[in-house]
C-alpha atoms as a PDB file:
ATOM      1  CA  UNK A   1      73.025 -48.378 -55.421  1.00  0.00           C
ATOM      2  CA  UNK A   2      72.457 -45.527 -58.039  1.00  0.00           C
ATOM      3  CA  UNK A   3      70.334 -42.873 -56.854  1.00  0.00           C
ATOM      4  CA  UNK A   4      68.497 -40.001 -58.357  1.00  0.00           C
ATOM      5  CA  UNK A   5      70.148 -36.841 -57.234  1.00  0.00           C
ATOM      6  CA  UNK A   6      68.173 -34.431 -59.185  1.00  0.00           C
ATOM      7  CA  UNK A   7      64.821 -34.127 -61.792  1.00  0.00           C
ATOM      8  CA  UNK A   8      64.572 -31.370 -64.305  1.00  0.00           C
ATOM      9  CA  UNK A   9      61.895 -30.343 -66.815  1.00  0.00           C
ATOM     10  CA  UNK A  10      62.438 -27.837 -68.990  1.00  0.00           C
ATOM     11  CA  UNK A  11      58.765 -26.222 -70.179  1.00  0.00           C
ATOM     12  CA  UNK A  12      60.118 -23.885 -72.868  1.00  0.00           C
ATOM     13  CA  UNK A  13      62.640 -25.555 -75.628  1.00  0.00           C
ATOM     14  CA  UNK A  14      65.924 -23.811 -74.917  1.00  0.00           C
ATOM     15  CA  UNK A  15      64.766 -22.011 -71.625  1.00  0.00           C
ATOM     16  CA  UNK A  16      65.719 -22.524 -68.167  1.00  0.00           C
ATOM     17  CA  UNK A  17      65.734 -25.925 -66.150  1.00  0.00           C
ATOM     18  CA  UNK A  18      63.582 -26.192 -63.519  1.00  0.00           C
ATOM     19  CA  UNK A  19      64.245 -28.911 -60.719  1.00  0.00           C
ATOM     20  CA  UNK A  20      61.415 -30.904 -59.140  1.00  0.00           C
ATOM     21  CA  UNK A  21      61.528 -32.698 -55.878  1.00  0.00           C
ATOM     22  CA  UNK A  22      59.110 -35.592 -57.448  1.00  0.00           C
ATOM     23  CA  UNK A  23      57.293 -36.276 -60.636  1.00  0.00           C
ATOM     24  CA  UNK A  24      54.289 -38.826 -61.664  1.00  0.00           C
ATOM     25  CA  UNK A  25      55.358 -40.190 -64.951  1.00  0.00           C
ATOM     26  CA  UNK A  26      53.067 -42.088 -67.456  1.00  0.00           C
ATOM     27  CA  UNK A  27      53.495 -44.703 -69.610  1.00  0.00           C
ATOM     28  CA  UNK A  28      54.980 -43.790 -73.090  1.00  0.00           C
ATOM     29  CA  UNK A  29      54.938 -40.133 -72.157  1.00  0.00           C
ATOM     30  CA  UNK A  30      57.686 -37.144 -71.064  1.00  0.00           C
ATOM     31  CA  UNK A  31      57.860 -35.689 -67.782  1.00  0.00           C
ATOM     32  CA  UNK A  32      54.857 -33.672 -67.588  1.00  0.00           C
ATOM     33  CA  UNK A  33      55.534 -30.047 -69.418  1.00  0.00           C
ATOM     34  CA  UNK A  34      58.808 -31.168 -70.502  1.00  0.00           C
ATOM     35  CA  UNK A  35      59.263 -29.215 -73.396  1.00  0.00           C
ATOM     36  CA  UNK A  36      55.700 -28.486 -73.745  1.00  0.00           C
ATOM     37  CA  UNK A  37      56.065 -25.086 -75.618  1.00  0.00           C
ATOM     38  CA  UNK A  38      58.837 -24.078 -78.016  1.00  0.00           C
ATOM     39  CA  UNK A  39      59.725 -20.288 -79.616  1.00  0.00           C
ATOM     40  CA  UNK A  40      59.305 -20.834 -83.250  1.00  0.00           C
ATOM     41  CA  UNK A  41      62.155 -19.150 -85.088  1.00  0.00           C
ATOM     42  CA  UNK A  42      60.370 -17.908 -88.358  1.00  0.00           C
ATOM     43  CA  UNK A  43      57.836 -19.831 -90.221  1.00  0.00           C
ATOM     44  CA  UNK A  44      58.543 -23.729 -89.726  1.00  0.00           C
ATOM     45  CA  UNK A  45      55.154 -25.169 -90.359  1.00  0.00           C
ATOM     46  CA  UNK A  46      54.252 -26.827 -87.565  1.00  0.00           C
ATOM     47  CA  UNK A  47      50.634 -27.412 -87.169  1.00  0.00           C
ATOM     48  CA  UNK A  48      49.398 -27.259 -83.627  1.00  0.00           C
ATOM     49  CA  UNK A  49      46.267 -29.479 -85.070  1.00  0.00           C
ATOM     50  CA  UNK A  50      48.574 -32.177 -86.597  1.00  0.00           C
ATOM     51  CA  UNK A  51      52.041 -31.963 -84.571  1.00  0.00           C
ATOM     52  CA  UNK A  52      54.896 -33.583 -85.214  1.00  0.00           C
ATOM     53  CA  UNK A  53      58.620 -34.153 -84.774  1.00  0.00           C
ATOM     54  CA  UNK A  54      60.340 -31.045 -85.988  1.00  0.00           C
ATOM     55  CA  UNK A  55      64.201 -30.586 -85.996  1.00  0.00           C
ATOM     56  CA  UNK A  56      65.471 -28.199 -83.301  1.00  0.00           C
ATOM     57  CA  UNK A  57      66.784 -25.473 -85.771  1.00  0.00           C
ATOM     58  CA  UNK A  58      63.053 -24.501 -86.447  1.00  0.00           C
ATOM     59  CA  UNK A  59      63.167 -22.982 -82.875  1.00  0.00           C
ATOM     60  CA  UNK A  60      65.369 -20.678 -80.787  1.00  0.00           C
ATOM     61  CA  UNK A  61      67.677 -23.004 -78.851  1.00  0.00           C
ATOM     62  CA  UNK A  62      71.215 -23.268 -77.036  1.00  0.00           C
ATOM     63  CA  UNK A  63      72.869 -25.072 -80.164  1.00  0.00           C
ATOM     64  CA  UNK A  64      72.528 -21.453 -81.900  1.00  0.00           C
ATOM     65  CA  UNK A  65      71.479 -18.918 -79.818  1.00  0.00           C
ATOM     66  CA  UNK A  66      73.286 -19.025 -76.466  1.00  0.00           C
ATOM     67  CA  UNK A  67      72.127 -16.110 -75.269  1.00  0.00           C
ATOM     68  CA  UNK A  68      69.131 -17.737 -73.811  1.00  0.00           C
ATOM     69  CA  UNK A  69      71.231 -18.965 -71.107  1.00  0.00           C
ATOM     70  CA  UNK A  70      71.495 -15.417 -69.666  1.00  0.00           C
ATOM     71  CA  UNK A  71      67.809 -15.743 -69.064  1.00  0.00           C
ATOM     72  CA  UNK A  72      66.029 -17.329 -65.611  1.00  0.00           C
ATOM     73  CA  UNK A  73      63.161 -18.635 -66.687  1.00  0.00           C
ATOM     74  CA  UNK A  74      59.993 -20.108 -64.297  1.00  0.00           C
ATOM     75  CA  UNK A  75      57.005 -21.779 -65.402  1.00  0.00           C
ATOM     76  CA  UNK A  76      53.429 -22.288 -63.770  1.00  0.00           C
ATOM     77  CA  UNK A  77      51.501 -24.979 -64.860  1.00  0.00           C
ATOM     78  CA  UNK A  78      48.300 -24.209 -62.572  1.00  0.00           C
ATOM     79  CA  UNK A  79      48.487 -20.766 -64.264  1.00  0.00           C
ATOM     80  CA  UNK A  80      49.910 -21.271 -67.777  1.00  0.00           C
ATOM     81  CA  UNK A  81      52.301 -18.168 -66.605  1.00  0.00           C
ATOM     82  CA  UNK A  82      55.923 -17.684 -67.842  1.00  0.00           C
ATOM     83  CA  UNK A  83      58.573 -15.497 -65.990  1.00  0.00           C
ATOM     84  CA  UNK A  84      61.387 -14.423 -67.476  1.00  0.00           C
ATOM     85  CA  UNK A  85      64.375 -12.731 -65.709  1.00  0.00           C
ATOM     86  CA  UNK A  86      66.975 -11.013 -66.615  1.00  0.00           C
ATOM     87  CA  UNK A  87      70.330  -9.719 -64.365  1.00  0.00           C
ATOM     88  CA  UNK A  88      67.988 -10.702 -61.602  1.00  0.00           C
ATOM     89  CA  UNK A  89      65.212  -8.181 -62.393  1.00  0.00           C
ATOM     90  CA  UNK A  90      61.576  -9.447 -64.327  1.00  0.00           C
ATOM     91  CA  UNK A  91      61.817  -8.825 -67.780  1.00  0.00           C
ATOM     92  CA  UNK A  92      58.242 -10.142 -68.726  1.00  0.00           C
ATOM     93  CA  UNK A  93      55.633 -12.308 -66.896  1.00  0.00           C
ATOM     94  CA  UNK A  94      52.898 -13.190 -69.345  1.00  0.00           C
ATOM     95  CA  UNK A  95      50.367 -16.268 -69.827  1.00  0.00           C
ATOM     96  CA  UNK A  96      51.658 -18.799 -72.594  1.00  0.00           C
ATOM     97  CA  UNK A  97      48.318 -19.959 -72.782  1.00  0.00           C
ATOM     98  CA  UNK A  98      46.135 -17.079 -73.630  1.00  0.00           C
ATOM     99  CA  UNK A  99      46.552 -14.886 -77.248  1.00  0.00           C
ATOM    100  CA  UNK A 100      47.631 -11.725 -75.312  1.00  0.00           C
ATOM    101  CA  UNK A 101      49.989 -13.416 -73.278  1.00  0.00           C
ATOM    102  CA  UNK A 102      51.915 -14.984 -75.991  1.00  0.00           C
ATOM    103  CA  UNK A 103      52.523 -12.023 -77.747  1.00  0.00           C
ATOM    104  CA  UNK A 104      53.966 -10.674 -75.023  1.00  0.00           C
ATOM    105  CA  UNK A 105      56.365 -12.907 -74.808  1.00  0.00           C
ATOM    106  CA  UNK A 106      56.523 -13.191 -78.843  1.00  0.00           C
ATOM    107  CA  UNK A 107      57.585  -9.413 -78.123  1.00  0.00           C
ATOM    108  CA  UNK A 108      60.025 -10.015 -76.030  1.00  0.00           C
ATOM    109  CA  UNK A 109      62.108 -12.361 -77.683  1.00  0.00           C
ATOM    110  CA  UNK A 110      61.872 -10.343 -81.205  1.00  0.00           C
ATOM    111  CA  UNK A 111      63.737  -7.486 -79.228  1.00  0.00           C
ATOM    112  CA  UNK A 112      66.102  -9.664 -77.139  1.00  0.00           C
ATOM    113  CA  UNK A 113      67.045 -12.195 -80.170  1.00  0.00           C
ATOM    114  CA  UNK A 114      66.469  -9.879 -82.952  1.00  0.00           C
ATOM    115  CA  UNK A 115      69.829 -10.683 -84.980  1.00  0.00           C
ATOM    116  CA  UNK A 116      69.411 -14.422 -84.819  1.00  0.00           C
ATOM    117  CA  UNK A 117      65.407 -14.562 -85.914  1.00  0.00           C
ATOM    118  CA  UNK A 118      65.027 -15.992 -89.372  1.00  0.00           C
ATOM    119  CA  UNK A 119      61.136 -14.383 -89.070  1.00  0.00           C
ATOM    120  CA  UNK A 120      58.537 -13.443 -86.417  1.00  0.00           C
ATOM    121  CA  UNK A 121      59.224 -15.211 -83.060  1.00  0.00           C
ATOM    122  CA  UNK A 122      56.164 -17.322 -82.294  1.00  0.00           C
ATOM    123  CA  UNK A 123      55.079 -19.344 -79.110  1.00  0.00           C
ATOM    124  CA  UNK A 124      54.059 -22.843 -79.821  1.00  0.00           C
ATOM    125  CA  UNK A 125      52.433 -25.548 -78.148  1.00  0.00           C
ATOM    126  CA  UNK A 126      50.220 -28.665 -79.016  1.00  0.00           C
ATOM    127  CA  UNK A 127      48.288 -30.767 -76.661  1.00  0.00           C
ATOM    128  CA  UNK A 128      50.162 -33.737 -75.618  1.00  0.00           C
ATOM    129  CA  UNK A 129      53.060 -32.836 -77.917  1.00  0.00           C
ATOM    130  CA  UNK A 130      56.658 -32.236 -76.660  1.00  0.00           C
ATOM    131  CA  UNK A 131      59.209 -30.402 -78.573  1.00  0.00           C
ATOM    132  CA  UNK A 132      62.168 -32.485 -77.557  1.00  0.00           C
ATOM    133  CA  UNK A 133      65.079 -33.257 -79.906  1.00  0.00           C
ATOM    134  CA  UNK A 134      64.142 -37.053 -79.948  1.00  0.00           C
ATOM    135  CA  UNK A 135      61.399 -37.923 -82.131  1.00  0.00           C
ATOM    136  CA  UNK A 136      60.491 -40.365 -79.591  1.00  0.00           C
ATOM    137  CA  UNK A 137      58.365 -39.775 -76.327  1.00  0.00           C
ATOM    138  CA  UNK A 138      61.306 -40.256 -74.029  1.00  0.00           C
ATOM    139  CA  UNK A 139      63.086 -39.198 -70.616  1.00  0.00           C
ATOM    140  CA  UNK A 140      66.903 -38.457 -70.359  1.00  0.00           C
ATOM    141  CA  UNK A 141      69.147 -39.881 -67.828  1.00  0.00           C
ATOM    142  CA  UNK A 142      72.801 -38.076 -67.183  1.00  0.00           C
ATOM    143  CA  UNK A 143      75.317 -40.242 -64.715  1.00  0.00           C
ATOM    144  CA  UNK A 144      77.507 -37.560 -62.669  1.00  0.00           C
ATOM    145  CA  UNK A 145      80.261 -39.788 -62.506  1.00  0.00           C
ATOM    146  CA  UNK A 146      80.721 -39.874 -66.303  1.00  0.00           C
ATOM    147  CA  UNK A 147      80.729 -36.125 -66.409  1.00  0.00           C
ATOM    148  CA  UNK A 148      83.623 -36.354 -63.731  1.00  0.00           C
ATOM    149  CA  UNK A 149      85.295 -38.228 -65.967  1.00  0.00           C
ATOM    150  CA  UNK A 150      84.791 -36.340 -68.904  1.00  0.00           C
ATOM    151  CA  UNK A 151      85.844 -32.866 -67.087  1.00  0.00           C
ATOM    152  CA  UNK A 152      89.395 -35.031 -66.488  1.00  0.00           C
ATOM    153  CA  UNK A 153      89.982 -35.012 -70.291  1.00  0.00           C
ATOM    154  CA  UNK A 154      88.404 -31.312 -70.517  1.00  0.00           C
ATOM    155  CA  UNK A 155      90.029 -29.748 -67.583  1.00  0.00           C
ATOM    156  CA  UNK A 156      87.963 -27.906 -66.150  1.00  0.00           C
ATOM    157  CA  UNK A 157      84.727 -28.302 -64.368  1.00  0.00           C
ATOM    158  CA  UNK A 158      81.872 -29.570 -66.275  1.00  0.00           C
ATOM    159  CA  UNK A 159      78.349 -28.033 -65.442  1.00  0.00           C
ATOM    160  CA  UNK A 160      76.048 -31.129 -65.365  1.00  0.00           C
ATOM    161  CA  UNK A 161      73.135 -28.397 -66.629  1.00  0.00           C
ATOM    162  CA  UNK A 162      75.090 -28.400 -69.652  1.00  0.00           C
ATOM    163  CA  UNK A 163      73.362 -31.727 -70.797  1.00  0.00           C
ATOM    164  CA  UNK A 164      69.465 -30.356 -70.112  1.00  0.00           C
ATOM    165  CA  UNK A 165      68.988 -33.969 -68.696  1.00  0.00           C
ATOM    166  CA  UNK A 166      65.715 -35.158 -66.993  1.00  0.00           C
ATOM    167  CA  UNK A 167      67.356 -37.652 -64.334  1.00  0.00           C
ATOM    168  CA  UNK A 168      71.111 -37.303 -62.967  1.00  0.00           C
ATOM    169  CA  UNK A 169      71.927 -40.015 -61.066  1.00  0.00           C
ATOM    170  CA  UNK A 170      75.000 -40.563 -58.693  1.00  0.00           C
ATOM    171  CA  UNK A 171      76.542 -43.944 -57.056  1.00  0.00           C
ATOM    172  CA  UNK A 172      77.098 -45.215 -61.040  1.00  0.00           C
ATOM    173  CA  UNK A 173      80.371 -45.952 -62.160  1.00  0.00           C
ATOM    174  CA  UNK A 174      81.347 -43.804 -64.663  1.00  0.00           C
ATOM    175  CA  UNK A 175      79.929 -44.482 -68.684  1.00  0.00           C
ATOM    176  CA  UNK A 176      77.941 -47.839 -67.236  1.00  0.00           C
ATOM    177  CA  UNK A 177      75.019 -46.141 -68.037  1.00  0.00           C
ATOM    178  CA  UNK A 178      75.298 -47.526 -71.774  1.00  0.00           C
ATOM    179  CA  UNK A 179      74.882 -51.073 -70.565  1.00  0.00           C
ATOM    180  CA  UNK A 180      71.014 -49.736 -69.590  1.00  0.00           C
ATOM    181  CA  UNK A 181      70.409 -49.426 -73.103  1.00  0.00           C
ATOM    182  CA  UNK A 182      68.262 -52.565 -74.048  1.00  0.00           C
ATOM    183  CA  UNK A 183      67.299 -53.378 -70.490  1.00  0.00           C
ATOM    184  CA  UNK A 184      64.621 -52.786 -67.951  1.00  0.00           C
ATOM    185  CA  UNK A 185      65.272 -50.370 -65.261  1.00  0.00           C
ATOM    186  CA  UNK A 186      63.090 -49.682 -61.890  1.00  0.00           C
ATOM    187  CA  UNK A 187      63.697 -46.502 -60.432  1.00  0.00           C
ATOM    188  CA  UNK A 188      61.004 -45.499 -57.241  1.00  0.00           C
ATOM    189  CA  UNK A 189      57.401 -46.758 -58.778  1.00  0.00           C
ATOM    190  CA  UNK A 190      58.652 -46.428 -62.267  1.00  0.00           C
ATOM    191  CA  UNK A 191      59.927 -48.871 -64.622  1.00  0.00           C
ATOM    192  CA  UNK A 192      61.874 -47.663 -67.668  1.00  0.00           C
ATOM    193  CA  UNK A 193      63.136 -49.344 -70.630  1.00  0.00           C
ATOM    194  CA  UNK A 194      66.672 -48.247 -71.465  1.00  0.00           C
ATOM    195  CA  UNK A 195      66.002 -46.816 -75.309  1.00  0.00           C
ATOM    196  CA  UNK A 196      69.160 -45.047 -76.801  1.00  0.00           C
ATOM    197  CA  UNK A 197      72.611 -43.410 -76.323  1.00  0.00           C
ATOM    198  CA  UNK A 198      72.119 -39.446 -76.844  1.00  0.00           C
ATOM    199  CA  UNK A 199      74.948 -37.800 -79.191  1.00  0.00           C
ATOM    200  CA  UNK A 200      75.521 -34.491 -77.904  1.00  0.00           C
ATOM    201  CA  UNK A 201      75.746 -31.436 -80.384  1.00  0.00           C
ATOM    202  CA  UNK A 202      77.183 -28.018 -79.681  1.00  0.00           C
ATOM    203  CA  UNK A 203      74.554 -26.940 -77.343  1.00  0.00           C
ATOM    204  CA  UNK A 204      76.768 -28.514 -74.407  1.00  0.00           C
ATOM    205  CA  UNK A 205      79.409 -26.022 -75.436  1.00  0.00           C
ATOM    206  CA  UNK A 206      77.275 -23.392 -73.752  1.00  0.00           C
ATOM    207  CA  UNK A 207      77.994 -22.506 -69.979  1.00  0.00           C
ATOM    208  CA  UNK A 208      74.527 -22.539 -68.099  1.00  0.00           C
ATOM    209  CA  UNK A 209      75.870 -19.886 -65.790  1.00  0.00           C
ATOM    210  CA  UNK A 210      77.547 -17.298 -68.089  1.00  0.00           C
ATOM    211  CA  UNK A 211      75.841 -18.010 -71.333  1.00  0.00           C
ATOM    212  CA  UNK A 212      79.404 -18.399 -72.949  1.00  0.00           C
ATOM    213  CA  UNK A 213      80.695 -20.776 -75.162  1.00  0.00           C
ATOM    214  CA  UNK A 214      83.443 -21.838 -73.123  1.00  0.00           C
ATOM    215  CA  UNK A 215      83.830 -25.595 -73.785  1.00  0.00           C
ATOM    216  CA  UNK A 216      83.822 -27.723 -76.919  1.00  0.00           C
ATOM    217  CA  UNK A 217      81.963 -30.940 -75.182  1.00  0.00           C
ATOM    218  CA  UNK A 218      81.210 -32.705 -78.827  1.00  0.00           C
ATOM    219  CA  UNK A 219      85.088 -32.436 -79.762  1.00  0.00           C
ATOM    220  CA  UNK A 220      86.259 -33.755 -75.965  1.00  0.00           C
ATOM    221  CA  UNK A 221      83.722 -36.713 -76.154  1.00  0.00           C
ATOM    222  CA  UNK A 222      85.138 -37.880 -79.814  1.00  0.00           C
ATOM    223  CA  UNK A 223      88.964 -37.287 -78.806  1.00  0.00           C
ATOM    224  CA  UNK A 224      88.592 -39.163 -75.421  1.00  0.00           C
ATOM    225  CA  UNK A 225      86.117 -41.999 -76.400  1.00  0.00           C
ATOM    226  CA  UNK A 226      85.957 -42.184 -79.875  1.00  0.00           C
ATOM    227  CA  UNK A 227      81.832 -41.043 -79.928  1.00  0.00           C
ATOM    228  CA  UNK A 228      79.971 -38.240 -79.153  1.00  0.00           C
ATOM    229  CA  UNK A 229      77.615 -39.646 -76.599  1.00  0.00           C
ATOM    230  CA  UNK A 230      77.079 -38.788 -73.158  1.00  0.00           C
ATOM    231  CA  UNK A 231      73.921 -40.148 -71.133  1.00  0.00           C
ATOM    232  CA  UNK A 232      70.709 -42.483 -72.539  1.00  0.00           C
ATOM    233  CA  UNK A 233      67.522 -42.100 -73.293  1.00  0.00           C
ATOM    234  CA  UNK A 234      64.708 -43.892 -71.319  1.00  0.00           C
ATOM    235  CA  UNK A 235      61.019 -44.748 -72.625  1.00  0.00           C
ATOM    236  CA  UNK A 236      58.273 -45.204 -69.384  1.00  0.00           C
ATOM    237  CA  UNK A 237      57.192 -48.447 -69.370  1.00  0.00           C
ATOM    238  CA  UNK A 238      55.057 -48.345 -66.159  1.00  0.00           C
ATOM    239  CA  UNK A 239      54.036 -45.176 -64.750  1.00  0.00           C
ATOM    240  CA  UNK A 240      54.183 -44.041 -61.388  1.00  0.00           C
ATOM    241  CA  UNK A 241      55.950 -41.929 -58.889  1.00  0.00           C
ATOM    242  CA  UNK A 242      59.665 -41.171 -58.976  1.00  0.00           C
ATOM    243  CA  UNK A 243      61.338 -38.779 -56.533  1.00  0.00           C
ATOM    244  CA  UNK A 244      64.823 -37.319 -55.501  1.00  0.00           C
ATOM    245  CA  UNK A 245      66.502 -40.209 -53.329  1.00  0.00           C
ATOM    246  CA  UNK A 246      64.984 -43.262 -55.362  1.00  0.00           C
ATOM    247  CA  UNK A 247      67.519 -45.946 -56.227  1.00  0.00           C
ATOM    248  CA  UNK A 248      68.033 -47.110 -59.941  1.00  0.00           C
ATOM    249  CA  UNK A 249      68.655 -50.672 -60.661  1.00  0.00           C
ATOM    250  CA  UNK A 250      67.902 -52.975 -63.662  1.00  0.00           C
ATOM    251  CA  UNK A 251      64.237 -54.420 -63.366  1.00  0.00           C
END
């Protein structure tokens, strides 16, 4: 049976993945605190009182700003404190839920990404909003067997976190995850609806360990399979607890 090998959330769009041993999911929602914050790259028009989906170009993100991968970040959802490490040392630590804390983080990115900014960086948040690339509230799933086969075409190992997925599954034949689109799935006590395939952008070219663009993942996918898709989006239908080691199968 396919099983959940790893669960990740990404509290700040474009910053570090955070592994979770388990998570409680709510119908129609993302993982808690997944892309709950974003760093605005110059004025975007985002209104926290009336949040809506914006294209990722409005924010600092890996597709354009690969240097973000050089930062090791951790978010404490109990305190709202974001810790950013650079080369192993704490570069800045501040609370994203206070004006002073956000200003501290913004000052860090004003220096760190100075030559890539279109205006002052600004920490954004809106209650219940996720700064996902997808307009829908979704959970992303990556099949590790598909990545192993893709690596054969690429001629080099493909780090799973290039794809910034929420759920990583093992024990499933390569690319058979696409067959789950349009079907109902059960994992742990959670029921999902397979929603859509994920088309990949240049963010996957960035090595999450070196912060360098050392692959051409979308081009490799197109050359090998005739499409740029890797992974699928799921929608949470019935909430519950999901943990590493849970099986995944059509409901």
